[in-house]
Amino acid sequence: MEAAIGSEEIWNQKQLAKAIGTSVASARVAGQARSLDSIEGSLRIAEGLRAKNLRDGLQAWLQQFHGADFSLETDEQGRTLVSLTDSGAEKYQVR
């Protein structure tokens, strides 16, 4: 996967969760969810972080460590969609 151009490279889990939260929050304001593929395509995740913490993929990482903030579901086209739970919306200050 090619890294997103013009975005900051993400080196740690806290930075990654914040970037995903901000991305999904903007979609929630518009009344939508973001696809996992579009989120991954918009982030430049450092290879060290991928190798160390994302071996099983971003979806598994979100489910394991951030299930309270993010909800994942599959749409009719088979895409995985990411949205914020109520606690995630509060955390990422969605109104």
Protein backbone atom coordinates (compact mmCIF):
# COMPACT_ATOMS: atom_id res chain seq x y z
CA MET A 1 0.00 0.00 0.00
CA GLU A 2 1.31 3.41 -0.93
CA ALA A 3 1.51 5.98 1.85
CA ALA A 4 -0.72 9.03 1.72
CA ILE A 5 1.07 12.06 0.32
CA GLY A 6 1.14 15.27 2.34
CA SER A 7 0.21 13.73 5.67
CA GLU A 8 2.26 13.30 8.81
CA GLU A 9 3.79 9.88 9.33
CA ILE A 10 2.27 8.12 12.33
CA TRP A 11 4.76 6.52 14.72
CA ASN A 12 2.76 5.48 17.78
CA GLN A 13 -0.59 4.01 18.77
CA LYS A 14 -1.89 7.15 20.50
CA GLN A 15 -1.20 9.23 17.41
CA LEU A 16 -2.89 6.59 15.24
CA ALA A 17 -6.04 6.44 17.38
CA LYS A 18 -6.29 10.25 17.32
CA ALA A 19 -5.88 10.40 13.53
CA ILE A 20 -8.56 7.75 13.02
CA GLY A 21 -10.86 9.40 15.56
CA THR A 22 -10.56 12.77 13.86
CA SER A 23 -11.17 11.22 10.45
CA VAL A 24 -14.23 9.27 11.56
CA ALA A 25 -15.56 12.24 13.55
CA SER A 26 -15.69 14.42 10.46
CA ALA A 27 -17.65 11.69 8.64
CA ARG A 28 -20.06 11.36 11.58
CA VAL A 29 -20.81 15.08 11.49
CA ALA A 30 -21.87 14.53 7.87
CA GLY A 31 -24.02 11.57 8.99
CA GLN A 32 -21.74 8.94 7.45
CA ALA A 33 -19.17 6.30 8.36
CA ARG A 34 -15.73 5.98 6.75
CA SER A 35 -14.53 2.85 5.03
CA LEU A 36 -11.54 1.16 6.61
CA ASP A 37 -9.78 1.21 3.22
CA SER A 38 -10.19 4.98 2.86
CA ILE A 39 -8.87 5.52 6.39
CA GLU A 40 -5.82 3.36 5.74
CA GLY A 41 -5.25 5.09 2.40
CA SER A 42 -5.26 8.50 4.06
CA LEU A 43 -2.69 7.63 6.76
CA ARG A 44 1.07 7.24 6.57
CA ILE A 45 1.74 4.61 9.22
CA ALA A 46 5.43 4.07 9.98
CA GLU A 47 6.71 0.61 9.06
CA GLY A 48 7.90 0.04 12.63
CA LEU A 49 4.39 0.64 13.99
CA ARG A 50 2.91 -1.69 11.35
CA ALA A 51 5.37 -4.45 12.15
CA LYS A 52 5.10 -4.09 15.92
CA ASN A 53 1.41 -3.37 16.56
CA LEU A 54 -0.58 -3.85 13.37
CA ARG A 55 0.50 -7.34 12.35
CA ASP A 56 -3.12 -8.49 12.22
CA GLY A 57 -4.25 -5.30 10.49
CA LEU A 58 -5.88 -2.06 11.44
CA GLN A 59 -9.32 -3.64 11.89
CA ALA A 60 -8.06 -6.14 14.47
CA TRP A 61 -6.16 -3.36 16.28
CA LEU A 62 -9.27 -1.18 16.46
CA GLN A 63 -11.41 -4.05 17.72
CA GLN A 64 -8.89 -5.18 20.31
CA PHE A 65 -7.76 -1.86 21.75
CA HIS A 66 -10.38 0.72 20.79
CA GLY A 67 -13.69 -1.15 20.65
CA ALA A 68 -15.22 1.30 23.12
CA ASP A 69 -14.63 4.22 20.73
CA PHE A 70 -15.06 2.68 17.27
CA SER A 71 -17.74 0.49 15.75
CA LEU A 72 -16.99 -1.66 12.70
CA GLU A 73 -19.58 -3.14 10.39
CA THR A 74 -19.78 -4.44 6.84
CA ASP A 75 -21.95 -2.71 4.23
CA GLU A 76 -23.82 -4.27 1.29
CA GLN A 77 -20.72 -4.02 -0.93
CA GLY A 78 -18.62 -5.93 1.61
CA ARG A 79 -16.63 -2.88 2.72
CA THR A 80 -15.76 -2.50 6.39
CA LEU A 81 -17.13 0.78 7.72
CA VAL A 82 -15.79 2.53 10.80
CA SER A 83 -17.96 4.81 12.89
CA LEU A 84 -17.78 6.26 16.38
CA THR A 85 -19.65 4.84 19.33
CA ASP A 86 -21.33 7.31 21.67
CA SER A 87 -18.28 7.30 23.96
CA GLY A 88 -16.02 7.75 20.93
CA ALA A 89 -18.10 10.71 19.75
CA GLU A 90 -17.72 12.28 23.17
CA LYS A 91 -13.98 11.58 23.22
CA TYR A 92 -13.44 13.08 19.76
CA GLN A 93 -15.84 15.94 20.51
CA VAL A 94 -18.47 15.34 17.86
CA ARG A 95 -21.55 17.46 18.37
